[in-house]
Amino acid sequence: MSTPRKKKTSRIGSQQTNRYFHVLANPLRLVNRTDTPTQENLSSNTRPRDLTGGRRSTDKDLFDLYDRWLSLSPRERYVTYLTCMGYKNDKIAFHMGVTVGTVKSYLQHIFNKMDVRSKTELRLKFYNFDFERYPP
């Protein structure tokens, strides 16, 4: 019998090699949004009536994310917040005073409600979410 092939490691040094590393390397930052939304830049030859009305697609995505955030229970919101801050399951369990199995159960409920499959997707979805404005 031949020996099984050795699996290639996906890590180079301390950095994991994936396309979202720049986003996931550090815990997500809290966003401070106290300024008013910026207006569209209008050139001197563009008249306001030439602009089409309606919301941007990013506004729709933001409202959808906010609605999904409100659909989570308070405990699920706290697990989501800690996950987005980069905490591992055992640290989340320690902070909440529950077992790791309970945290995994919360995460499965969150994944179903947020329509994601992993913690990575969850962190990417909440990358620009304002946790100070909508606390867990």
Protein backbone atom coordinates (compact mmCIF):
# COMPACT_ATOMS: atom_id res chain seq x y z
CA MET A 1 0.00 0.00 0.00
CA SER A 2 1.15 3.48 -0.74
CA THR A 3 1.31 6.10 1.93
CA PRO A 4 -1.40 8.74 1.80
CA ARG A 5 -0.45 12.05 0.30
CA LYS A 6 0.29 14.85 2.67
CA LYS A 7 -2.33 17.61 2.69
CA LYS A 8 -1.02 21.03 1.71
CA THR A 9 -1.35 23.58 4.46
CA SER A 10 -3.36 26.71 3.74
CA ARG A 11 -1.30 28.83 6.08
CA ILE A 12 1.82 30.78 5.29
CA GLY A 13 3.43 31.87 8.50
CA SER A 14 0.77 33.34 10.74
CA GLN A 15 -1.43 34.59 7.91
CA GLN A 16 -4.12 32.49 6.35
CA THR A 17 -4.24 32.64 2.59
CA ASN A 18 -7.74 33.54 1.47
CA ARG A 19 -9.19 36.39 -0.50
CA TYR A 20 -10.90 38.00 2.50
CA PHE A 21 -7.82 38.15 4.71
CA HIS A 22 -7.61 41.96 4.55
CA VAL A 23 -11.13 42.21 5.95
CA LEU A 24 -10.91 39.43 8.51
CA ALA A 25 -7.40 40.05 9.84
CA ASN A 26 -8.51 42.56 12.47
CA PRO A 27 -11.67 42.78 14.54
CA LEU A 28 -14.30 44.97 12.96
CA ARG A 29 -14.17 48.59 13.99
CA LEU A 30 -17.04 50.57 15.43
CA VAL A 31 -18.24 53.21 13.01
CA ASN A 32 -19.02 56.69 14.27
CA ARG A 33 -21.53 58.28 11.91
CA THR A 34 -22.43 61.70 13.20
CA ASP A 35 -22.24 63.56 9.89
CA THR A 36 -25.19 63.94 7.53
CA PRO A 37 -25.22 61.89 4.34
CA THR A 38 -23.31 63.57 1.54
CA GLN A 39 -25.21 64.95 -1.39
CA GLU A 40 -24.63 63.88 -4.97
CA ASN A 41 -21.99 66.02 -6.64
CA LEU A 42 -23.62 68.02 -9.36
CA SER A 43 -21.57 69.51 -12.15
CA SER A 44 -22.34 73.02 -13.36
CA ASN A 45 -24.12 71.83 -16.53
CA THR A 46 -26.28 69.19 -14.85
CA ARG A 47 -29.73 70.23 -13.75
CA PRO A 48 -31.41 68.57 -10.75
CA ARG A 49 -34.41 67.50 -12.86
CA ASP A 50 -32.11 65.33 -14.99
CA LEU A 51 -31.39 63.09 -12.00
CA THR A 52 -33.55 60.04 -11.48
CA GLY A 53 -35.16 59.57 -8.09
CA GLY A 54 -35.18 56.54 -5.87
CA ARG A 55 -32.95 54.81 -3.39
CA ARG A 56 -29.57 53.35 -4.10
CA SER A 57 -29.15 49.60 -3.96
CA THR A 58 -26.79 49.98 -1.00
CA ASP A 59 -29.59 51.68 0.96
CA LYS A 60 -31.85 48.73 0.26
CA ASP A 61 -29.15 46.31 1.40
CA LEU A 62 -28.59 48.35 4.55
CA PHE A 63 -32.30 48.37 5.38
CA ASP A 64 -32.49 44.63 4.72
CA LEU A 65 -29.53 44.04 7.04
CA TYR A 66 -31.11 46.26 9.70
CA ASP A 67 -34.41 44.34 9.45
CA ARG A 68 -32.56 41.05 9.80
CA TRP A 69 -30.63 42.48 12.78
CA LEU A 70 -33.95 43.31 14.47
CA SER A 71 -35.25 39.80 13.78
CA LEU A 72 -32.48 38.33 15.97
CA SER A 73 -33.08 37.75 19.67
CA PRO A 74 -30.98 39.81 22.12
CA ARG A 75 -28.72 36.81 22.83
CA GLU A 76 -28.25 36.17 19.10
CA ARG A 77 -27.38 39.83 18.57
CA TYR A 78 -24.74 39.62 21.28
CA VAL A 79 -23.27 36.45 19.73
CA THR A 80 -23.25 38.19 16.32
CA TYR A 81 -21.53 41.23 17.80
CA LEU A 82 -18.83 39.16 19.51
CA THR A 83 -18.34 37.07 16.38
CA CYS A 84 -17.86 40.19 14.29
CA MET A 85 -15.35 41.48 16.85
CA GLY A 86 -13.25 38.38 16.16
CA TYR A 87 -14.00 36.29 19.25
CA LYS A 88 -13.81 32.48 19.05
CA ASN A 89 -16.66 30.28 20.27
CA ASP A 90 -15.00 29.49 23.61
CA LYS A 91 -14.43 33.20 24.38
CA ILE A 92 -18.03 33.99 23.42
CA ALA A 93 -19.24 31.20 25.73
CA PHE A 94 -17.10 32.58 28.55
CA HIS A 95 -18.46 36.13 28.10
CA MET A 96 -22.07 34.94 28.00
CA GLY A 97 -21.76 32.32 30.73
CA VAL A 98 -23.00 29.46 28.53
CA THR A 99 -21.44 26.35 26.99
CA VAL A 100 -19.70 26.21 23.63
CA GLY A 101 -22.50 23.98 22.34
CA THR A 102 -25.04 26.70 23.14
CA VAL A 103 -22.94 29.25 21.23
CA LYS A 104 -22.83 26.90 18.23
CA SER A 105 -26.61 26.54 18.44
CA TYR A 106 -27.02 30.34 18.52
CA LEU A 107 -24.71 30.62 15.50
CA GLN A 108 -26.77 28.11 13.52
CA HIS A 109 -29.94 30.14 14.24
CA ILE A 110 -28.10 33.32 13.23
CA PHE A 111 -26.80 31.74 10.01
CA ASN A 112 -30.36 30.70 9.07
CA LYS A 113 -31.85 34.12 9.83
CA MET A 114 -29.04 36.08 8.12
CA ASP A 115 -28.86 33.69 5.14
CA VAL A 116 -25.13 32.97 5.52
CA ARG A 117 -23.18 29.73 5.86
CA SER A 118 -20.17 30.63 7.97
CA LYS A 119 -18.69 33.10 10.42
CA THR A 120 -16.63 34.55 7.58
CA GLU A 121 -19.75 35.41 5.58
CA LEU A 122 -21.36 36.82 8.72
CA ARG A 123 -18.38 39.11 9.37
CA LEU A 124 -18.37 40.24 5.74
CA LYS A 125 -22.08 41.00 5.89
CA PHE A 126 -21.62 43.16 9.00
CA TYR A 127 -18.37 44.77 7.81
CA ASN A 128 -19.79 48.33 7.67
CA PHE A 129 -22.59 47.86 10.20
CA ASP A 130 -22.77 50.54 12.90
CA PHE A 131 -22.82 48.60 16.20
CA GLU A 132 -22.72 51.83 18.24
CA ARG A 133 -25.95 53.03 16.64
CA TYR A 134 -27.66 49.62 16.88
CA PRO A 135 -26.14 47.96 19.98
CA PRO A 136 -26.68 44.27 20.73
